[in-house]
Every structure is written in structure tokens, then in C-alpha cells.
């Protein structure tokens, strides 16, 4: 079992040693950097492939776009090779498999076929073949299937709030879907007009939304305008259709365009409904600490009335709650530590208390196991300004370490010592 590694407390940060130096750890620095490069390539594919097909963009072999396409193709072909060398997590997420034979079999059974199909440079093979065959370039969009795997690996290494991450992904989905629908909308006209400039004297061609738009507005047909104007018009249609606003100035003129319009409305309403639930949940989570504090204050006020607590003591309690709320760095610390293993809990506590431990002489030079035992027993307490921590003569059954703030030692009203953090 030397090639199957159990996650320990530092499994995220440490690349486990294994006898095969060429095998890539799925959470290593190299793999993370490669995933970022590959994600940029995926966004290039998601934006450029539909645009080139929908708006019939032609470019020569000497153009920059052609060179970038070839570089991106090389990256995806190289990624197939890297996937054969990258370890994977087991289904129960308890182990990382680093044995080359198992990695190859696992990849062959899961994503190899899709990755190979998506990595084929279809546009290079087709060249200037029949124009309708250029629709096969859409096969490149299969590369987007890798995005979920890449995001899954990156999420483990990113320090970003879950709700914010969901909103970012939702915004990307909306923009990408709007872009694809815009390209598909102009593609409908391109297919009906014979992949070229639509002649006014041509016969046997179905009327398209471009003809209807030019006729209703009395303007120059869109295919005579710049590609930027064409794209903006299509994006305008896509967004108004997805949001079901539909001003009615751009309308479908044949059955195919009506089918695409219905599809865009269904996709748009589904995506925005999902996004609305995500944003609502995010807002609720953002205000969760405020809601919890308000409930606590309501309970305190009810208690004050029930027990007839005097006003000065009520004010003192309220001031303490507000002070605790302002000084507490993380309300969910206890919940977080309760869900992790003992080893991880000890590492988190030792890191968060590192300044106190380094300033305390008998802990700074003590054995690590002893320090972990001490840290495991520590509990966080918060005292308000001018509040008494311990009185002279009290039974000494606790030891205090000052993590934040300042403490005075008084005899009567005379200060004899002053303690800061540590």
C-alpha cells in the first residue's frame, strides 16, 4: 500500500512522497498552476469557438488568432498526457491514489474518451471544407467538461467564501450562456442565407430576423454592418430573451428561429431562477451573525424583564455583548473546530495562538506534544473593559493567557503590574 496515501492533518499542504517521481500530486503547486493555465484556455474556447462559427470569422494561417488556436490545441493534448500522470482521490475522499497503473485505468474508464474527442483540432483537419461542416468545430466545446474537474481541485486551495464563489460561478454561467445564444442567433441567419452576404434578389431563401429588423427599422441590413454591431445586436437579443423582457424589436421570422427563441427563454428562466435562490441564500448567510446577535439581545431583554434586573446591570450586560461582538474574530470557531479531527484542531489552535505561545517562555521551549496537550485544553474567554478577571484570595483553579488586549494588576487602587498579549 505504499502508493496509496491516507490524508493526515497536513494532507493539503504536503505532497506525499512516492517512488514514482513523474507522478503528479493532484493538489501540488505544479498541478494548480497548470489548472489555472488550462482554465484560461477553456475560457478562450468558450468565447472564441462559438463566435468564429456564428459570425463566420475567417482568418489566415499567419494571423494571431490561428497561432493562438494551435497553442491552445497543444495545451489540451498535453493535458491528456498529464491526466495519465496525475493522482486522484478515492470515491470516499479518504485516500489519494498515486500508483501509475491505477491512475491510467481510472482515467481510461472516466474521462479519456471525452478528452480525446475534445482535443482533436477539428478546424485544422477541415480547413476550408464545406462550410456547413465547420459546425463540427463545436466539438471543441466538449473541452468545457474539464472545467468542473479543474474547479474542484482549485476550490480546495482557494481561500474564498463559499457564497461569493457561487455568485462568481453564476455570473460566469450567465455571461457564457448569453454569449453562446448571441452567436447561435446570428448563426440562424447565416445558415438560412447560405453562409454569405444575403442578396436582395435571391430566391428560395427563408426570411430571417435580420431581414425583419432592417425592414421594421428602415436601416441598413445587419450583414452590411461591422461585426461589432452584429455581435452587440445579438447579445442584446440574448439578454432580453433570457430575462423574458423581450421588447419586440428583434423577433424570429421562421420556425427554426422560434425554436431557438423558446429554448433561450427556457434556459434563461431556469438559470435566473437558480441564481435567485443562490443570491437569496447568500444574503441570508451574510446576515446570519447579525440575526443571531439580535436574537440573543431579544432573549436578554426578556430575561431582564422576567427577573426584574436593575437598569445599571442591564446596561453592563448589553455593553458586554456589544464588546464581545466587536472583539470576537470568528463566531463560528467552535463549530468549525468541532467538525475537524483532533490533529487538525490542534494545528489550527497552535497557529491561531502562535503569538501567545512564542511569548510564553515555558511553552516556547517545551516539547511539541506537551504544547498540543495544553492547547487542546484551552478555551477562549472574553472580558469587557474594566471587568474583574480574578480577585485576590480566589481559589486558583485556572491559568490565563492574554491573547488580545491588556490586563492591569491592582492592589487596592494602585497598579503594580501591567500585562499585554502573551
Protein backbone atom coordinates (compact mmCIF):
# COMPACT_ATOMS: atom_id res chain seq x y z
CA UNK A 1 0.00 0.00 0.00
CA UNK A 2 2.97 2.31 -0.38
CA UNK A 3 1.33 4.12 -3.31
CA UNK A 4 -1.98 4.85 -1.56
CA UNK A 5 -1.65 7.67 0.95
CA UNK A 6 -4.05 8.34 3.80
CA UNK A 7 -4.87 12.01 4.38
CA UNK A 8 -3.25 13.30 7.54
CA UNK A 9 -3.64 16.69 9.17
CA UNK A 10 -1.39 18.33 6.61
CA UNK A 11 -2.51 16.46 3.50
CA UNK A 12 -3.44 19.65 1.67
CA UNK A 13 -0.04 21.28 2.07
CA UNK A 14 2.29 18.31 1.86
CA UNK A 15 2.97 16.37 -1.32
CA UNK A 16 3.28 12.78 -0.17
CA UNK A 17 6.46 11.08 -1.25
CA UNK A 18 6.14 8.13 -3.58
CA UNK A 19 8.63 6.02 -5.57
CA UNK A 20 7.45 7.31 -8.98
CA UNK A 21 8.84 10.83 -9.28
CA UNK A 22 6.98 11.53 -12.52
CA UNK A 23 3.53 11.05 -10.95
CA UNK A 24 1.84 14.40 -10.26
CA UNK A 25 0.09 15.01 -6.96
CA UNK A 26 -3.44 16.35 -7.70
CA UNK A 27 -3.01 19.18 -5.17
CA UNK A 28 0.61 20.04 -5.89
CA UNK A 29 1.75 23.53 -6.83
CA UNK A 30 2.58 22.43 -10.37
CA UNK A 31 -0.88 20.93 -10.92
CA UNK A 32 -2.56 24.04 -9.53
CA UNK A 33 -0.62 26.31 -11.87
CA UNK A 34 -1.34 24.03 -14.81
CA UNK A 35 -5.06 24.05 -13.95
CA UNK A 36 -5.07 27.85 -13.97
CA UNK A 37 -3.44 27.90 -17.42
CA UNK A 38 -5.91 25.29 -18.65
CA UNK A 39 -8.85 27.25 -17.25
CA UNK A 40 -7.74 30.31 -19.23
CA UNK A 41 -7.62 28.11 -22.33
CA UNK A 42 -11.14 26.87 -21.60
CA UNK A 43 -12.45 30.41 -21.42
CA UNK A 44 -10.76 31.16 -24.73
CA UNK A 45 -12.51 28.15 -26.27
CA UNK A 46 -15.87 29.06 -24.70
CA UNK A 47 -15.72 32.58 -26.14
CA UNK A 48 -13.92 32.19 -29.46
CA UNK A 49 -15.28 28.92 -30.90
CA UNK A 50 -18.97 29.98 -30.90
CA UNK A 51 -18.03 33.46 -32.14
CA UNK A 52 -15.94 32.16 -35.05
CA UNK A 53 -18.70 29.77 -36.12
CA UNK A 54 -21.68 32.04 -35.54
CA UNK A 55 -20.24 35.14 -37.22
CA UNK A 56 -18.25 33.24 -39.87
CA UNK A 57 -14.89 34.67 -38.89
CA UNK A 58 -12.19 33.86 -41.44
CA UNK A 59 -8.51 34.05 -40.57
CA UNK A 60 -5.30 33.10 -42.34
CA UNK A 61 -2.60 30.76 -41.10
CA UNK A 62 -0.37 33.76 -40.46
CA UNK A 63 -2.90 35.54 -38.24
CA UNK A 64 -2.51 35.79 -34.47
CA UNK A 65 -5.84 34.03 -33.88
CA UNK A 66 -4.65 31.00 -35.85
CA UNK A 67 -1.43 30.82 -33.81
CA UNK A 68 -3.35 31.08 -30.52
CA UNK A 69 -5.68 28.29 -31.66
CA UNK A 70 -2.75 25.98 -32.33
CA UNK A 71 -1.15 26.80 -28.96
CA UNK A 72 -4.42 26.08 -27.15
CA UNK A 73 -4.75 22.77 -29.04
CA UNK A 74 -1.27 21.80 -27.88
CA UNK A 75 -2.17 22.62 -24.27
CA UNK A 76 -5.22 20.34 -24.35
CA UNK A 77 -3.30 17.49 -25.98
CA UNK A 78 -0.59 17.88 -23.36
CA UNK A 79 -3.25 17.86 -20.63
CA UNK A 80 -4.35 14.39 -21.74
CA UNK A 81 -0.81 13.18 -21.09
CA UNK A 82 -0.71 14.95 -17.71
CA UNK A 83 -4.00 13.34 -16.69
CA UNK A 84 -2.38 9.93 -17.16
CA UNK A 85 0.25 11.03 -14.63
CA UNK A 86 -1.95 12.83 -12.08
CA UNK A 87 -3.13 11.04 -8.96
CA UNK A 88 -6.78 11.04 -7.99
CA UNK A 89 -8.84 10.92 -4.82
CA UNK A 90 -10.88 7.86 -4.00
CA UNK A 91 -14.67 7.97 -4.01
CA UNK A 92 -14.81 8.38 -0.23
CA UNK A 93 -12.19 11.20 -0.45
CA UNK A 94 -10.10 9.36 2.15
CA UNK A 95 -7.06 8.48 0.03
CA UNK A 96 -5.01 9.79 -2.87
CA UNK A 97 -4.06 7.08 -5.34
CA UNK A 98 -0.57 7.65 -6.79
CA UNK A 99 0.10 4.29 -8.46
CA UNK A 100 0.63 4.80 -12.25
CA UNK A 101 -1.28 1.68 -13.30
CA UNK A 102 -4.34 2.54 -11.24
CA UNK A 103 -4.23 6.16 -12.43
CA UNK A 104 -4.19 5.08 -16.09
CA UNK A 105 -7.06 2.60 -15.64
CA UNK A 106 -9.14 5.14 -13.72
CA UNK A 107 -8.62 7.84 -16.36
CA UNK A 108 -9.37 5.41 -19.20
CA UNK A 109 -12.68 4.44 -17.57
CA UNK A 110 -13.80 8.01 -16.85
CA UNK A 111 -12.73 10.99 -18.96
CA UNK A 112 -10.23 9.71 -21.54
CA UNK A 113 -12.70 9.33 -24.43
CA UNK A 114 -14.24 12.77 -23.90
CA UNK A 115 -10.84 14.44 -23.53
CA UNK A 116 -9.51 12.80 -26.70
CA UNK A 117 -12.52 13.86 -28.76
CA UNK A 118 -12.35 17.39 -27.41
CA UNK A 119 -8.59 17.63 -28.04
CA UNK A 120 -8.84 16.90 -31.76
CA UNK A 121 -8.06 20.11 -33.75
CA UNK A 122 -11.20 19.83 -35.89
CA UNK A 123 -10.78 23.19 -37.61
CA UNK A 124 -7.25 22.26 -38.69
CA UNK A 125 -8.49 18.98 -40.18
CA UNK A 126 -11.46 20.53 -42.00
CA UNK A 127 -9.65 23.56 -43.38
CA UNK A 128 -11.87 25.33 -45.94
CA UNK A 129 -14.07 22.30 -46.49
CA UNK A 130 -17.84 22.59 -46.94
CA UNK A 131 -18.91 25.50 -44.77
CA UNK A 132 -21.73 23.64 -43.06
CA UNK A 133 -19.17 21.06 -41.95
CA UNK A 134 -17.50 23.81 -39.97
CA UNK A 135 -20.23 23.29 -37.40
CA UNK A 136 -18.17 20.28 -36.34
CA UNK A 137 -15.88 22.79 -34.67
CA UNK A 138 -18.44 22.85 -31.90
CA UNK A 139 -16.92 19.55 -30.81
CA UNK A 140 -14.26 21.71 -29.17
CA UNK A 141 -16.86 22.77 -26.62
CA UNK A 142 -16.54 19.28 -25.15
CA UNK A 143 -13.40 20.71 -23.58
CA UNK A 144 -15.64 22.60 -21.18
CA UNK A 145 -16.31 19.27 -19.44
CA UNK A 146 -12.88 19.63 -17.86
CA UNK A 147 -13.90 22.84 -16.12
CA UNK A 148 -15.73 21.12 -13.27
CA UNK A 149 -12.72 18.90 -12.51
CA UNK A 150 -10.38 21.89 -12.52
CA UNK A 151 -12.64 23.96 -10.27
CA UNK A 152 -12.96 21.02 -7.88
CA UNK A 153 -9.18 20.92 -7.44
CA UNK A 154 -8.82 24.70 -7.20
CA UNK A 155 -11.60 25.10 -4.62
CA UNK A 156 -9.56 23.04 -2.17
CA UNK A 157 -6.70 25.54 -2.39
CA UNK A 158 -8.61 28.83 -2.57
CA UNK A 159 -9.48 30.95 0.46
CA UNK A 160 -12.78 32.38 -0.75
CA UNK A 161 -16.21 32.41 0.84
CA UNK A 162 -18.48 29.72 -0.49
CA UNK A 163 -21.38 32.10 -1.14
CA UNK A 164 -19.20 34.56 -3.04
CA UNK A 165 -17.72 31.71 -5.07
CA UNK A 166 -21.22 30.56 -6.02
CA UNK A 167 -22.15 34.08 -7.16
CA UNK A 168 -18.99 34.32 -9.28
CA UNK A 169 -19.75 30.99 -10.95
CA UNK A 170 -23.36 32.04 -11.55
CA UNK A 171 -22.25 35.31 -13.18
CA UNK A 172 -19.85 33.39 -15.44
CA UNK A 173 -22.63 30.97 -16.44
CA UNK A 174 -24.98 33.84 -17.33
CA UNK A 175 -22.34 35.66 -19.39
CA UNK A 176 -21.26 32.47 -21.15
CA UNK A 177 -24.83 31.41 -21.90
CA UNK A 178 -25.67 34.88 -23.21
CA UNK A 179 -22.60 34.79 -25.46
CA UNK A 180 -23.47 31.35 -26.82
CA UNK A 181 -27.08 32.30 -27.52
CA UNK A 182 -25.95 35.50 -29.26
CA UNK A 183 -23.64 33.52 -31.53
CA UNK A 184 -26.36 30.92 -32.19
CA UNK A 185 -28.86 33.69 -33.03
CA UNK A 186 -26.68 35.11 -35.78
CA UNK A 187 -25.82 31.58 -36.92
CA UNK A 188 -29.52 31.03 -37.67
CA UNK A 189 -29.36 33.89 -40.17
CA UNK A 190 -26.05 32.65 -41.57
CA UNK A 191 -27.41 29.16 -42.22
CA UNK A 192 -30.53 30.45 -43.95
CA UNK A 193 -28.63 32.97 -46.07
CA UNK A 194 -26.15 30.46 -47.44
CA UNK A 195 -23.15 31.45 -45.31
CA UNK A 196 -22.57 34.69 -47.11
CA UNK A 197 -23.94 38.10 -47.90
CA UNK A 198 -27.68 37.86 -48.49
CA UNK A 199 -28.56 39.14 -51.96
CA UNK A 200 -31.77 41.08 -52.23
CA UNK A 201 -32.67 39.28 -55.45
CA UNK A 202 -32.03 35.77 -54.13
CA UNK A 203 -34.92 33.35 -54.25
CA UNK A 204 -35.75 30.27 -52.25
CA UNK A 205 -34.34 31.67 -49.01
CA UNK A 206 -36.40 31.92 -45.84
CA UNK A 207 -36.79 35.38 -44.34
CA UNK A 208 -34.66 35.80 -41.25
CA UNK A 209 -34.74 38.08 -38.24
CA UNK A 210 -32.05 40.22 -39.90
CA UNK A 211 -34.40 40.98 -42.81
CA UNK A 212 -37.29 41.71 -40.44
CA UNK A 213 -35.12 44.03 -38.34
CA UNK A 214 -33.91 46.01 -41.35
CA UNK A 215 -37.45 46.29 -42.75
CA UNK A 216 -39.08 47.37 -39.48
CA UNK A 217 -36.42 49.98 -38.65
CA UNK A 218 -35.68 51.07 -42.20
CA UNK A 219 -31.95 50.67 -41.61
CA UNK A 220 -29.10 49.02 -43.43
CA UNK A 221 -29.18 45.19 -43.12
CA UNK A 222 -27.07 43.89 -40.28
CA UNK A 223 -24.86 41.80 -42.57
CA UNK A 224 -23.61 45.06 -44.15
CA UNK A 225 -22.61 46.46 -40.77
CA UNK A 226 -19.48 45.81 -38.73
CA UNK A 227 -19.06 42.56 -36.86
CA UNK A 228 -19.06 44.51 -33.59
CA UNK A 229 -22.54 45.88 -34.39
CA UNK A 230 -23.71 42.40 -35.30
CA UNK A 231 -22.44 40.97 -32.02
CA UNK A 232 -23.92 43.73 -29.84
CA UNK A 233 -27.30 43.32 -31.53
CA UNK A 234 -27.26 39.57 -30.90
CA UNK A 235 -26.16 39.99 -27.27
CA UNK A 236 -28.99 42.48 -26.80
CA UNK A 237 -31.47 39.90 -28.12
CA UNK A 238 -29.98 37.13 -25.97
CA UNK A 239 -30.15 39.08 -22.71
CA UNK A 240 -33.67 40.44 -23.28
CA UNK A 241 -34.87 36.94 -24.19
CA UNK A 242 -33.14 35.21 -21.28
CA UNK A 243 -34.62 37.69 -18.83
CA UNK A 244 -38.04 37.34 -20.58
CA UNK A 245 -38.19 41.11 -21.10
CA UNK A 246 -38.44 40.87 -24.89
CA UNK A 247 -39.00 44.40 -26.20
CA UNK A 248 -40.26 43.00 -29.51
CA UNK A 249 -37.88 44.90 -31.78
CA UNK A 250 -35.95 41.72 -32.69
CA UNK A 251 -38.32 38.85 -33.43
CA UNK A 252 -37.98 35.40 -35.03
CA UNK A 253 -39.11 35.14 -38.65
CA UNK A 254 -39.16 31.37 -39.25
CA UNK A 255 -39.69 28.11 -37.42
CA UNK A 256 -36.01 27.49 -36.65
CA UNK A 257 -35.62 30.91 -35.06
CA UNK A 258 -38.78 30.41 -33.00
CA UNK A 259 -37.43 27.11 -31.68
CA UNK A 260 -34.18 28.80 -30.66
CA UNK A 261 -36.13 31.63 -29.00
CA UNK A 262 -38.20 29.18 -26.94
CA UNK A 263 -35.02 27.35 -25.94
CA UNK A 264 -33.37 30.64 -24.90
CA UNK A 265 -36.39 31.60 -22.79
CA UNK A 266 -36.44 28.23 -21.03
CA UNK A 267 -32.70 28.27 -20.38
CA UNK A 268 -32.74 31.88 -19.22
CA UNK A 269 -35.64 31.43 -16.82
CA UNK A 270 -34.08 28.27 -15.36
CA UNK A 271 -30.67 29.87 -14.89
CA UNK A 272 -32.05 33.04 -13.32
CA UNK A 273 -34.36 31.07 -11.03
CA UNK A 274 -31.38 29.07 -9.81
CA UNK A 275 -29.36 32.26 -9.42
CA UNK A 276 -32.13 33.93 -7.42
CA UNK A 277 -32.14 31.09 -4.90
CA UNK A 278 -28.34 31.25 -4.62
CA UNK A 279 -28.29 35.02 -4.08
CA UNK A 280 -31.10 34.78 -1.52
CA UNK A 281 -29.18 32.13 0.38
CA UNK A 282 -26.02 34.23 0.19
CA UNK A 283 -27.75 37.28 1.66
CA UNK A 284 -29.17 35.14 4.46
CA UNK A 285 -25.72 33.75 5.25
CA UNK A 286 -24.11 37.19 5.16
CA UNK A 287 -26.58 38.48 7.78
CA UNK A 288 -26.62 35.27 9.83
CA UNK A 289 -24.32 36.68 12.54
CA UNK A 290 -26.46 39.84 12.80
CA UNK A 291 -29.64 37.78 13.10
CA UNK A 292 -28.05 35.59 15.76
CA UNK A 293 -26.94 38.64 17.73
CA UNK A 294 -30.39 40.21 17.51
CA UNK A 295 -31.98 37.02 18.82
CA UNK A 296 -29.52 36.97 21.70
CA UNK A 297 -30.38 40.57 22.61
CA UNK A 298 -34.10 39.78 22.46
CA UNK A 299 -33.59 36.85 24.83
CA UNK A 300 -31.56 39.10 27.15
CA UNK A 301 -34.29 41.78 27.21
CA UNK A 302 -36.94 39.18 28.01
CA UNK A 303 -34.74 37.83 30.80
CA UNK A 304 -34.21 41.33 32.21
CA UNK A 305 -37.96 41.90 32.38
CA UNK A 306 -38.71 38.48 33.85
CA UNK A 307 -36.05 38.75 36.59
CA UNK A 308 -36.50 42.49 37.15
CA UNK A 309 -32.81 43.16 36.58
CA UNK A 310 -31.82 46.73 37.58
CA UNK A 311 -31.05 49.18 34.79
CA UNK A 312 -27.30 49.63 35.54
CA UNK A 313 -26.76 45.87 35.34
CA UNK A 314 -28.78 45.68 32.12
CA UNK A 315 -26.56 48.32 30.57
CA UNK A 316 -23.47 46.45 31.72
CA UNK A 317 -24.68 43.21 30.12
CA UNK A 318 -25.59 44.93 26.85
CA UNK A 319 -22.21 46.66 26.71
CA UNK A 320 -20.51 43.32 27.26
CA UNK A 321 -22.45 41.69 24.41
CA UNK A 322 -21.60 44.54 22.04
CA UNK A 323 -17.95 44.43 23.10
CA UNK A 324 -17.82 40.67 22.61
CA UNK A 325 -19.40 41.01 19.19
CA UNK A 326 -16.88 43.65 18.12
CA UNK A 327 -13.82 41.86 19.53
CA UNK A 328 -14.67 38.30 18.55
CA UNK A 329 -12.71 37.46 15.40
CA UNK A 330 -14.70 34.43 14.39
CA UNK A 331 -18.12 33.50 15.78
CA UNK A 332 -18.12 30.07 14.17
CA UNK A 333 -14.79 28.96 15.61
CA UNK A 334 -16.31 26.41 17.98
CA UNK A 335 -18.49 24.96 15.23
CA UNK A 336 -15.53 24.72 12.87
CA UNK A 337 -13.25 23.04 15.40
CA UNK A 338 -16.00 20.59 16.34
CA UNK A 339 -16.11 19.25 12.76
CA UNK A 340 -12.41 18.55 12.26
CA UNK A 341 -10.15 15.80 13.56
CA UNK A 342 -8.12 16.17 16.75
CA UNK A 343 -4.85 16.60 14.83
CA UNK A 344 -6.23 19.33 12.58
CA UNK A 345 -7.88 21.03 15.57
CA UNK A 346 -4.53 21.10 17.38
CA UNK A 347 -2.76 22.56 14.33
CA UNK A 348 -5.40 25.26 13.90
CA UNK A 349 -5.28 26.21 17.57
CA UNK A 350 -1.49 26.27 17.67
CA UNK A 351 -1.39 28.52 14.61
CA UNK A 352 -4.05 30.91 15.92
CA UNK A 353 -2.28 31.10 19.31
CA UNK A 354 1.27 31.14 17.93
CA UNK A 355 2.00 34.67 19.23
CA UNK A 356 0.91 33.77 22.75
CA UNK A 357 2.88 30.52 22.68
CA UNK A 358 6.03 32.25 21.40
CA UNK A 359 5.83 34.91 24.13
CA UNK A 360 5.32 32.39 26.94
CA UNK A 361 8.79 31.12 27.99
CA UNK A 362 7.84 27.71 29.39
CA UNK A 363 5.69 26.93 26.33
CA UNK A 364 8.05 28.35 23.71
CA UNK A 365 10.79 25.85 24.52
CA UNK A 366 8.56 22.95 25.57
CA UNK A 367 8.05 19.68 23.71
CA UNK A 368 5.55 19.92 20.84
CA UNK A 369 3.39 17.08 22.17
CA UNK A 370 3.15 18.80 25.55
CA UNK A 371 2.19 22.10 23.91
CA UNK A 372 -0.52 20.37 21.87
CA UNK A 373 -1.99 18.87 25.04
CA UNK A 374 -2.06 22.30 26.67
CA UNK A 375 -3.57 23.97 23.60
CA UNK A 376 -6.24 21.27 23.38
CA UNK A 377 -7.41 22.21 26.89
CA UNK A 378 -7.50 25.96 26.27
CA UNK A 379 -10.85 27.73 25.98
CA UNK A 380 -11.36 31.27 24.70
CA UNK A 381 -12.86 33.76 27.16
CA UNK A 382 -13.67 37.41 26.56
CA UNK A 383 -13.78 40.06 29.30
CA UNK A 384 -15.08 43.57 28.84
CA UNK A 385 -13.25 46.81 29.72
CA UNK A 386 -12.75 47.37 33.48
CA UNK A 387 -14.14 43.91 34.20
CA UNK A 388 -12.50 41.93 37.02
CA UNK A 389 -10.90 38.69 35.85
CA UNK A 390 -9.81 37.32 39.23
CA UNK A 391 -9.68 38.71 42.77
CA UNK A 392 -7.00 38.32 45.38
CA UNK A 393 -7.88 35.39 47.59
CA UNK A 394 -9.88 33.48 44.95
CA UNK A 395 -9.12 29.79 44.53
CA UNK A 396 -6.55 29.44 41.73
CA UNK A 397 -8.11 26.65 39.66
CA UNK A 398 -7.44 28.25 36.25
CA UNK A 399 -4.50 29.66 34.30
CA UNK A 400 -4.97 32.61 31.94
CA UNK A 401 -3.01 33.60 28.83
CA UNK A 402 -3.64 37.07 27.44
CA UNK A 403 -4.24 36.60 23.71
CA UNK A 404 -5.53 40.10 22.90
CA UNK A 405 -5.82 43.32 24.85
CA UNK A 406 -4.31 44.45 28.15
CA UNK A 407 -4.66 43.47 31.82
CA UNK A 408 -3.87 45.51 34.94
CA UNK A 409 -2.92 44.02 38.31
CA UNK A 410 -4.15 46.27 41.12
CA UNK A 411 -3.65 46.27 44.86
CA UNK A 412 -6.38 48.50 46.13
CA UNK A 413 -6.32 51.27 43.54
CA UNK A 414 -2.58 51.09 42.91
CA UNK A 415 -1.37 49.42 39.72
CA UNK A 416 1.61 47.19 40.42
CA UNK A 417 1.86 45.36 37.08
CA UNK A 418 0.73 45.59 33.50
CA UNK A 419 0.30 42.64 31.14
CA UNK A 420 -0.20 42.64 27.39
CA UNK A 421 -0.68 39.81 24.90
CA UNK A 422 1.43 36.79 25.84
